[in-house]
PDB file of all heavy atoms in Angstrom:
ATOM      1  N   PHE A   1      10.457 -70.241 133.966  1.00  0.00           N
ATOM      2  CA  PHE A   1       9.386 -70.992 133.305  1.00  0.00           C
ATOM      3  C   PHE A   1       8.486 -71.611 134.355  1.00  0.00           C
ATOM      4  O   PHE A   1       8.871 -71.822 135.506  1.00  0.00           O
ATOM      5  CB  PHE A   1       9.967 -72.074 132.382  1.00  0.00           C
ATOM      6  CG  PHE A   1      11.287 -72.631 132.839  1.00  0.00           C
ATOM      7  CD1 PHE A   1      11.361 -73.675 133.754  1.00  0.00           C
ATOM      8  CD2 PHE A   1      12.477 -72.082 132.370  1.00  0.00           C
ATOM      9  CE1 PHE A   1      12.574 -74.169 134.178  1.00  0.00           C
ATOM     10  CE2 PHE A   1      13.706 -72.571 132.799  1.00  0.00           C
ATOM     11  CZ  PHE A   1      13.750 -73.622 133.708  1.00  0.00           C
ATOM     12  N   ARG A   2       7.259 -71.901 133.947  1.00  0.00           N
ATOM     13  CA  ARG A   2       6.236 -72.422 134.870  1.00  0.00           C
ATOM     14  C   ARG A   2       6.537 -73.847 135.297  1.00  0.00           C
ATOM     15  O   ARG A   2       6.363 -74.213 136.451  1.00  0.00           O
ATOM     16  CB  ARG A   2       4.853 -72.352 134.190  1.00  0.00           C
ATOM     17  CG  ARG A   2       3.704 -72.987 134.970  1.00  0.00           C
ATOM     18  CD  ARG A   2       3.455 -72.257 136.270  1.00  0.00           C
ATOM     19  NE  ARG A   2       2.325 -72.798 137.009  1.00  0.00           N
ATOM     20  CZ  ARG A   2       2.390 -73.861 137.802  1.00  0.00           C
ATOM     21  NH1 ARG A   2       3.536 -74.501 137.949  1.00  0.00           N
ATOM     22  NH2 ARG A   2       1.329 -74.270 138.462  1.00  0.00           N
ATOM     23  N   ALA A   3       6.976 -74.685 134.370  1.00  0.00           N
ATOM     24  CA  ALA A   3       7.257 -76.096 134.659  1.00  0.00           C
ATOM     25  C   ALA A   3       8.628 -76.453 134.097  1.00  0.00           C
ATOM     26  O   ALA A   3       9.069 -75.884 133.089  1.00  0.00           O
ATOM     27  CB  ALA A   3       6.187 -76.999 134.049  1.00  0.00           C
ATOM     28  N   ALA A   4       9.298 -77.399 134.750  1.00  0.00           N
ATOM     29  CA  ALA A   4      10.666 -77.747 134.368  1.00  0.00           C
ATOM     30  C   ALA A   4      10.764 -78.216 132.924  1.00  0.00           C
ATOM     31  O   ALA A   4      11.783 -78.004 132.257  1.00  0.00           O
ATOM     32  CB  ALA A   4      11.209 -78.818 135.309  1.00  0.00           C
ATOM     33  N   THR A   5       9.700 -78.844 132.405  1.00  0.00           N
ATOM     34  CA  THR A   5       9.733 -79.358 131.028  1.00  0.00           C
ATOM     35  C   THR A   5       9.721 -78.243 129.985  1.00  0.00           C
ATOM     36  O   THR A   5      10.080 -78.481 128.837  1.00  0.00           O
ATOM     37  CB  THR A   5       8.530 -80.285 130.790  1.00  0.00           C
ATOM     38  OG1 THR A   5       7.319 -79.566 131.103  1.00  0.00           O
ATOM     39  CG2 THR A   5       8.608 -81.520 131.680  1.00  0.00           C
ATOM     40  N   HIS A   6       9.312 -77.039 130.366  1.00  0.00           N
ATOM     41  CA  HIS A   6       9.196 -75.951 129.396  1.00  0.00           C
ATOM     42  C   HIS A   6      10.541 -75.505 128.843  1.00  0.00           C
ATOM     43  O   HIS A   6      10.589 -74.842 127.803  1.00  0.00           O
ATOM     44  CB  HIS A   6       8.494 -74.747 130.039  1.00  0.00           C
ATOM     45  CG  HIS A   6       7.046 -74.975 130.328  1.00  0.00           C
ATOM     46  ND1 HIS A   6       6.252 -74.037 130.976  1.00  0.00           N
ATOM     47  CD2 HIS A   6       6.242 -76.036 130.078  1.00  0.00           C
ATOM     48  CE1 HIS A   6       5.031 -74.522 131.096  1.00  0.00           C
ATOM     49  NE2 HIS A   6       5.002 -75.724 130.563  1.00  0.00           N
ATOM     50  N   SER A   7      11.629 -75.841 129.529  1.00  0.00           N
ATOM     51  CA  SER A   7      12.931 -75.345 129.084  1.00  0.00           C
ATOM     52  C   SER A   7      13.650 -76.305 128.145  1.00  0.00           C
ATOM     53  O   SER A   7      14.765 -76.007 127.695  1.00  0.00           O
ATOM     54  CB  SER A   7      13.828 -75.075 130.297  1.00  0.00           C
ATOM     55  OG  SER A   7      14.143 -76.284 130.973  1.00  0.00           O
ATOM     56  N   ALA A   8      13.043 -77.454 127.822  1.00  0.00           N
ATOM     57  CA  ALA A   8      13.745 -78.464 127.026  1.00  0.00           C
ATOM     58  C   ALA A   8      14.251 -77.929 125.679  1.00  0.00           C
ATOM     59  O   ALA A   8      15.436 -78.111 125.343  1.00  0.00           O
ATOM     60  CB  ALA A   8      12.852 -79.688 126.829  1.00  0.00           C
ATOM     61  N   PRO A   9      13.417 -77.265 124.854  1.00  0.00           N
ATOM     62  CA  PRO A   9      13.953 -76.752 123.580  1.00  0.00           C
ATOM     63  C   PRO A   9      15.075 -75.736 123.779  1.00  0.00           C
ATOM     64  O   PRO A   9      16.038 -75.707 123.014  1.00  0.00           O
ATOM     65  CB  PRO A   9      12.723 -76.102 122.917  1.00  0.00           C
ATOM     66  CG  PRO A   9      11.542 -76.767 123.553  1.00  0.00           C
ATOM     67  CD  PRO A   9      11.961 -77.023 124.962  1.00  0.00           C
ATOM     68  N   LEU A  10      14.965 -74.918 124.813  1.00  0.00           N
ATOM     69  CA  LEU A  10      16.013 -73.929 125.074  1.00  0.00           C
ATOM     70  C   LEU A  10      17.315 -74.616 125.484  1.00  0.00           C
ATOM     71  O   LEU A  10      18.396 -74.203 125.052  1.00  0.00           O
ATOM     72  CB  LEU A  10      15.561 -72.963 126.169  1.00  0.00           C
ATOM     73  CG  LEU A  10      16.605 -71.928 126.610  1.00  0.00           C
ATOM     74  CD1 LEU A  10      16.997 -71.036 125.436  1.00  0.00           C
ATOM     75  CD2 LEU A  10      16.082 -71.096 127.769  1.00  0.00           C
ATOM     76  N   GLU A  11      17.232 -75.652 126.289  1.00  0.00           N
ATOM     77  CA  GLU A  11      18.445 -76.359 126.707  1.00  0.00           C
ATOM     78  C   GLU A  11      19.179 -76.934 125.501  1.00  0.00           C
ATOM     79  O   GLU A  11      20.412 -76.900 125.436  1.00  0.00           O
ATOM     80  CB  GLU A  11      18.089 -77.467 127.703  1.00  0.00           C
ATOM     81  CG  GLU A  11      17.600 -76.941 129.047  1.00  0.00           C
ATOM     82  CD  GLU A  11      17.192 -78.058 129.990  1.00  0.00           C
ATOM     83  OE1 GLU A  11      17.953 -79.038 130.113  1.00  0.00           O
ATOM     84  OE2 GLU A  11      16.107 -77.967 130.596  1.00  0.00           O
ATOM     85  N   LEU A  12      18.433 -77.444 124.535  1.00  0.00           N
ATOM     86  CA  LEU A  12      19.061 -77.962 123.316  1.00  0.00           C
ATOM     87  C   LEU A  12      19.751 -76.849 122.533  1.00  0.00           C
ATOM     88  O   LEU A  12      20.866 -77.022 122.027  1.00  0.00           O
ATOM     89  CB  LEU A  12      18.004 -78.653 122.445  1.00  0.00           C
ATOM     90  CG  LEU A  12      17.395 -79.942 123.002  1.00  0.00           C
ATOM     91  CD1 LEU A  12      16.264 -80.431 122.096  1.00  0.00           C
ATOM     92  CD2 LEU A  12      18.461 -81.017 123.153  1.00  0.00           C
ATOM     93  N   GLU A  13      19.084 -75.703 122.436  1.00  0.00           N
ATOM     94  CA  GLU A  13      19.653 -74.580 121.698  1.00  0.00           C
ATOM     95  C   GLU A  13      20.904 -74.050 122.397  1.00  0.00           C
ATOM     96  O   GLU A  13      21.910 -73.728 121.747  1.00  0.00           O
ATOM     97  CB  GLU A  13      18.610 -73.466 121.558  1.00  0.00           C
ATOM     98  CG  GLU A  13      19.078 -72.249 120.772  1.00  0.00           C
ATOM     99  CD  GLU A  13      19.329 -72.551 119.301  1.00  0.00           C
ATOM    100  OE1 GLU A  13      18.856 -73.594 118.794  1.00  0.00           O
ATOM    101  OE2 GLU A  13      19.997 -71.715 118.642  1.00  0.00           O
ATOM    102  N   LEU A  14      20.877 -73.964 123.712  1.00  0.00           N
ATOM    103  CA  LEU A  14      22.046 -73.493 124.455  1.00  0.00           C
ATOM    104  C   LEU A  14      23.214 -74.453 124.295  1.00  0.00           C
ATOM    105  O   LEU A  14      24.369 -74.030 124.134  1.00  0.00           O
ATOM    106  CB  LEU A  14      21.693 -73.329 125.937  1.00  0.00           C
ATOM    107  CG  LEU A  14      20.656 -72.250 126.276  1.00  0.00           C
ATOM    108  CD1 LEU A  14      20.314 -72.296 127.761  1.00  0.00           C
ATOM    109  CD2 LEU A  14      21.149 -70.858 125.892  1.00  0.00           C
ATOM    110  N   ALA A  15      22.914 -75.756 124.347  1.00  0.00           N
ATOM    111  CA  ALA A  15      23.983 -76.741 124.170  1.00  0.00           C
ATOM    112  C   ALA A  15      24.570 -76.659 122.764  1.00  0.00           C
ATOM    113  O   ALA A  15      25.785 -76.774 122.570  1.00  0.00           O
ATOM    114  CB  ALA A  15      23.436 -78.134 124.450  1.00  0.00           C
ATOM    115  N   ARG A  16      23.695 -76.450 121.765  1.00  0.00           N
ATOM    116  CA  ARG A  16      24.170 -76.353 120.379  1.00  0.00           C
ATOM    117  C   ARG A  16      25.110 -75.175 120.202  1.00  0.00           C
ATOM    118  O   ARG A  16      26.091 -75.253 119.453  1.00  0.00           O
ATOM    119  CB  ARG A  16      22.958 -76.215 119.444  1.00  0.00           C
ATOM    120  CG  ARG A  16      23.297 -76.239 117.963  1.00  0.00           C
ATOM    121  CD  ARG A  16      22.059 -76.074 117.109  1.00  0.00           C
ATOM    122  NE  ARG A  16      21.512 -74.735 117.187  1.00  0.00           N
ATOM    123  CZ  ARG A  16      21.968 -73.698 116.479  1.00  0.00           C
ATOM    124  NH1 ARG A  16      22.987 -73.856 115.658  1.00  0.00           N
ATOM    125  NH2 ARG A  16      21.411 -72.513 116.595  1.00  0.00           N
ATOM    126  N   ARG A  17      24.843 -74.093 120.911  1.00  0.00           N
ATOM    127  CA  ARG A  17      25.664 -72.885 120.780  1.00  0.00           C
ATOM    128  C   ARG A  17      26.793 -72.819 121.807  1.00  0.00           C
ATOM    129  O   ARG A  17      27.490 -71.818 121.892  1.00  0.00           O
ATOM    130  CB  ARG A  17      24.783 -71.646 120.937  1.00  0.00           C
ATOM    131  CG  ARG A  17      23.700 -71.506 119.891  1.00  0.00           C
ATOM    132  CD  ARG A  17      23.317 -70.058 119.795  1.00  0.00           C
ATOM    133  NE  ARG A  17      22.044 -69.871 119.142  1.00  0.00           N
ATOM    134  CZ  ARG A  17      21.544 -68.675 118.845  1.00  0.00           C
ATOM    135  NH1 ARG A  17      22.221 -67.587 119.178  1.00  0.00           N
ATOM    136  NH2 ARG A  17      20.380 -68.555 118.260  1.00  0.00           N
ATOM    137  N   ASN A  18      26.894 -73.829 122.624  1.00  0.00           N
ATOM    138  CA  ASN A  18      27.945 -73.873 123.648  1.00  0.00           C
ATOM    139  C   ASN A  18      27.810 -72.720 124.638  1.00  0.00           C
ATOM    140  O   ASN A  18      28.794 -72.111 125.064  1.00  0.00           O
ATOM    141  CB  ASN A  18      29.336 -73.854 123.005  1.00  0.00           C
ATOM    142  CG  ASN A  18      30.420 -74.303 123.974  1.00  0.00           C
ATOM    143  OD1 ASN A  18      30.147 -75.091 124.892  1.00  0.00           O
ATOM    144  ND2 ASN A  18      31.633 -73.814 123.793  1.00  0.00           N
ATOM    145  N   ILE A  19      26.560 -72.418 125.014  1.00  0.00           N
ATOM    146  CA  ILE A  19      26.295 -71.412 126.048  1.00  0.00           C
ATOM    147  C   ILE A  19      26.101 -72.156 127.369  1.00  0.00           C
ATOM    148  O   ILE A  19      25.131 -72.900 127.517  1.00  0.00           O
ATOM    149  CB  ILE A  19      25.042 -70.577 125.718  1.00  0.00           C
ATOM    150  CG1 ILE A  19      25.206 -69.863 124.368  1.00  0.00           C
ATOM    151  CG2 ILE A  19      24.753 -69.583 126.828  1.00  0.00           C
ATOM    152  CD1 ILE A  19      23.957 -69.134 123.909  1.00  0.00           C
ATOM    153  N   PRO A  20      27.006 -72.013 128.325  1.00  0.00           N
ATOM    154  CA  PRO A  20      26.877 -72.769 129.577  1.00  0.00           C
ATOM    155  C   PRO A  20      25.679 -72.289 130.394  1.00  0.00           C
ATOM    156  O   PRO A  20      25.328 -71.110 130.383  1.00  0.00           O
ATOM    157  CB  PRO A  20      28.193 -72.484 130.305  1.00  0.00           C
ATOM    158  CG  PRO A  20      28.659 -71.186 129.749  1.00  0.00           C
ATOM    159  CD  PRO A  20      28.186 -71.133 128.329  1.00  0.00           C
ATOM    160  N   PHE A  21      25.032 -73.226 131.085  1.00  0.00           N
ATOM    161  CA  PHE A  21      23.879 -72.859 131.915  1.00  0.00           C
ATOM    162  C   PHE A  21      23.797 -73.801 133.108  1.00  0.00           C
ATOM    163  O   PHE A  21      24.349 -74.902 133.102  1.00  0.00           O
ATOM    164  CB  PHE A  21      22.576 -72.908 131.106  1.00  0.00           C
ATOM    165  CG  PHE A  21      22.195 -74.282 130.619  1.00  0.00           C
ATOM    166  CD1 PHE A  21      21.393 -75.124 131.384  1.00  0.00           C
ATOM    167  CD2 PHE A  21      22.630 -74.751 129.383  1.00  0.00           C
ATOM    168  CE1 PHE A  21      21.037 -76.387 130.935  1.00  0.00           C
ATOM    169  CE2 PHE A  21      22.278 -76.006 128.922  1.00  0.00           C
ATOM    170  CZ  PHE A  21      21.478 -76.827 129.696  1.00  0.00           C
ATOM    171  N   VAL A  22      23.109 -73.342 134.126  1.00  0.00           N
ATOM    172  CA  VAL A  22      22.813 -74.153 135.305  1.00  0.00           C
ATOM    173  C   VAL A  22      21.310 -74.130 135.504  1.00  0.00           C
ATOM    174  O   VAL A  22      20.692 -73.063 135.518  1.00  0.00           O
ATOM    175  CB  VAL A  22      23.514 -73.606 136.568  1.00  0.00           C
ATOM    176  CG1 VAL A  22      23.001 -74.313 137.819  1.00  0.00           C
ATOM    177  CG2 VAL A  22      25.015 -73.777 136.458  1.00  0.00           C
ATOM    178  N   LYS A  23      20.730 -75.310 135.635  1.00  0.00           N
ATOM    179  CA  LYS A  23      19.291 -75.429 135.871  1.00  0.00           C
ATOM    180  C   LYS A  23      19.078 -75.870 137.307  1.00  0.00           C
ATOM    181  O   LYS A  23      19.638 -76.864 137.744  1.00  0.00           O
ATOM    182  CB  LYS A  23      18.672 -76.434 134.892  1.00  0.00           C
ATOM    183  CG  LYS A  23      17.147 -76.536 134.999  1.00  0.00           C
ATOM    184  CD  LYS A  23      16.595 -77.462 133.926  1.00  0.00           C
ATOM    185  CE  LYS A  23      15.091 -77.572 134.012  1.00  0.00           C
ATOM    186  NZ  LYS A  23      14.548 -78.474 132.963  1.00  0.00           N
ATOM    187  N   TYR A  24      18.276 -75.102 138.042  1.00  0.00           N
ATOM    188  CA  TYR A  24      18.068 -75.421 139.437  1.00  0.00           C
ATOM    189  C   TYR A  24      17.347 -76.751 139.580  1.00  0.00           C
ATOM    190  O   TYR A  24      16.352 -77.014 138.923  1.00  0.00           O
ATOM    191  CB  TYR A  24      17.263 -74.313 140.128  1.00  0.00           C
ATOM    192  CG  TYR A  24      18.112 -73.122 140.472  1.00  0.00           C
ATOM    193  CD1 TYR A  24      18.255 -72.068 139.582  1.00  0.00           C
ATOM    194  CD2 TYR A  24      18.798 -73.065 141.664  1.00  0.00           C
ATOM    195  CE1 TYR A  24      19.041 -70.971 139.890  1.00  0.00           C
ATOM    196  CE2 TYR A  24      19.598 -71.973 141.987  1.00  0.00           C
ATOM    197  CZ  TYR A  24      19.705 -70.935 141.091  1.00  0.00           C
ATOM    198  OH  TYR A  24      20.496 -69.850 141.394  1.00  0.00           O
ATOM    199  N   GLY A  25      17.859 -77.592 140.482  1.00  0.00           N
ATOM    200  CA  GLY A  25      17.306 -78.922 140.701  1.00  0.00           C
ATOM    201  C   GLY A  25      18.422 -79.931 140.722  1.00  0.00           C
ATOM    202  O   GLY A  25      19.613 -79.601 140.697  1.00  0.00           O
ATOM    203  N   GLY A  26      18.077 -81.204 140.777  1.00  0.00           N
ATOM    204  CA  GLY A  26      19.085 -82.258 140.777  1.00  0.00           C
ATOM    205  C   GLY A  26      18.994 -83.112 142.019  1.00  0.00           C
ATOM    206  O   GLY A  26      18.117 -82.961 142.858  1.00  0.00           O
ATOM    207  N   LEU A  27      19.934 -84.021 142.156  1.00  0.00           N
ATOM    208  CA  LEU A  27      19.946 -84.965 143.259  1.00  0.00           C
ATOM    209  C   LEU A  27      20.287 -84.257 144.557  1.00  0.00           C
ATOM    210  O   LEU A  27      21.299 -83.592 144.667  1.00  0.00           O
ATOM    211  CB  LEU A  27      20.960 -86.075 142.993  1.00  0.00           C
ATOM    212  CG  LEU A  27      20.994 -87.245 143.972  1.00  0.00           C
ATOM    213  CD1 LEU A  27      19.680 -88.001 143.931  1.00  0.00           C
ATOM    214  CD2 LEU A  27      22.157 -88.167 143.653  1.00  0.00           C
ATOM    215  N   LYS A  28      19.421 -84.381 145.559  1.00  0.00           N
ATOM    216  CA  LYS A  28      19.663 -83.772 146.851  1.00  0.00           C
ATOM    217  C   LYS A  28      20.614 -84.641 147.669  1.00  0.00           C
ATOM    218  O   LYS A  28      20.682 -85.847 147.497  1.00  0.00           O
ATOM    219  CB  LYS A  28      18.346 -83.597 147.618  1.00  0.00           C
ATOM    220  CG  LYS A  28      17.297 -82.792 146.863  1.00  0.00           C
ATOM    221  CD  LYS A  28      17.741 -81.362 146.627  1.00  0.00           C
ATOM    222  CE  LYS A  28      16.634 -80.546 145.960  1.00  0.00           C
ATOM    223  NZ  LYS A  28      17.051 -79.184 145.649  1.00  0.00           N
ATOM    224  N   PHE A  29      21.303 -83.993 148.599  1.00  0.00           N
ATOM    225  CA  PHE A  29      22.316 -84.684 149.385  1.00  0.00           C
ATOM    226  C   PHE A  29      21.727 -85.893 150.107  1.00  0.00           C
ATOM    227  O   PHE A  29      22.285 -86.996 150.066  1.00  0.00           O
ATOM    228  CB  PHE A  29      22.912 -83.696 150.392  1.00  0.00           C
ATOM    229  CG  PHE A  29      24.099 -84.225 151.152  1.00  0.00           C
ATOM    230  CD1 PHE A  29      25.360 -84.184 150.590  1.00  0.00           C
ATOM    231  CD2 PHE A  29      23.958 -84.749 152.419  1.00  0.00           C
ATOM    232  CE1 PHE A  29      26.458 -84.665 151.275  1.00  0.00           C
ATOM    233  CE2 PHE A  29      25.041 -85.224 153.121  1.00  0.00           C
ATOM    234  CZ  PHE A  29      26.299 -85.184 152.548  1.00  0.00           C
ATOM    235  N   LEU A  30      20.582 -85.703 150.760  1.00  0.00           N
ATOM    236  CA  LEU A  30      20.013 -86.789 151.556  1.00  0.00           C
ATOM    237  C   LEU A  30      19.334 -87.850 150.700  1.00  0.00           C
ATOM    238  O   LEU A  30      18.904 -88.869 151.221  1.00  0.00           O
ATOM    239  CB  LEU A  30      19.011 -86.230 152.571  1.00  0.00           C
ATOM    240  CG  LEU A  30      19.606 -85.330 153.658  1.00  0.00           C
ATOM    241  CD1 LEU A  30      18.553 -85.003 154.701  1.00  0.00           C
ATOM    242  CD2 LEU A  30      20.810 -85.979 154.324  1.00  0.00           C
ATOM    243  N   GLU A  31      19.223 -87.618 149.383  1.00  0.00           N
ATOM    244  CA  GLU A  31      18.638 -88.628 148.506  1.00  0.00           C
ATOM    245  C   GLU A  31      19.684 -89.593 147.972  1.00  0.00           C
ATOM    246  O   GLU A  31      19.331 -90.618 147.390  1.00  0.00           O
ATOM    247  CB  GLU A  31      17.919 -87.941 147.338  1.00  0.00           C
ATOM    248  CG  GLU A  31      16.710 -87.129 147.768  1.00  0.00           C
ATOM    249  CD  GLU A  31      16.140 -86.293 146.647  1.00  0.00           C
ATOM    250  OE1 GLU A  31      16.680 -86.366 145.521  1.00  0.00           O
ATOM    251  OE2 GLU A  31      15.167 -85.571 146.883  1.00  0.00           O
ATOM    252  N   ALA A  32      20.958 -89.282 148.146  1.00  0.00           N
ATOM    253  CA  ALA A  32      22.021 -90.169 147.680  1.00  0.00           C
ATOM    254  C   ALA A  32      22.035 -91.424 148.547  1.00  0.00           C
ATOM    255  O   ALA A  32      22.022 -91.348 149.775  1.00  0.00           O
ATOM    256  CB  ALA A  32      23.368 -89.450 147.744  1.00  0.00           C
ATOM    257  N   SER A  33      22.093 -92.580 147.908  1.00  0.00           N
ATOM    258  CA  SER A  33      21.930 -93.837 148.639  1.00  0.00           C
ATOM    259  C   SER A  33      23.012 -94.038 149.693  1.00  0.00           C
ATOM    260  O   SER A  33      22.731 -94.522 150.805  1.00  0.00           O
ATOM    261  CB  SER A  33      21.920 -95.008 147.652  1.00  0.00           C
ATOM    262  OG  SER A  33      23.071 -94.973 146.827  1.00  0.00           O
TER     263      SER A  33
END
């Protein structure tokens, strides 16, 4: 998808159906306090 927000409806549908997924992104190692 073009922008991270575009996957929001799909993430809900995957969670509803118990389809596991990994979305690239998250807290980086050097950003942890």
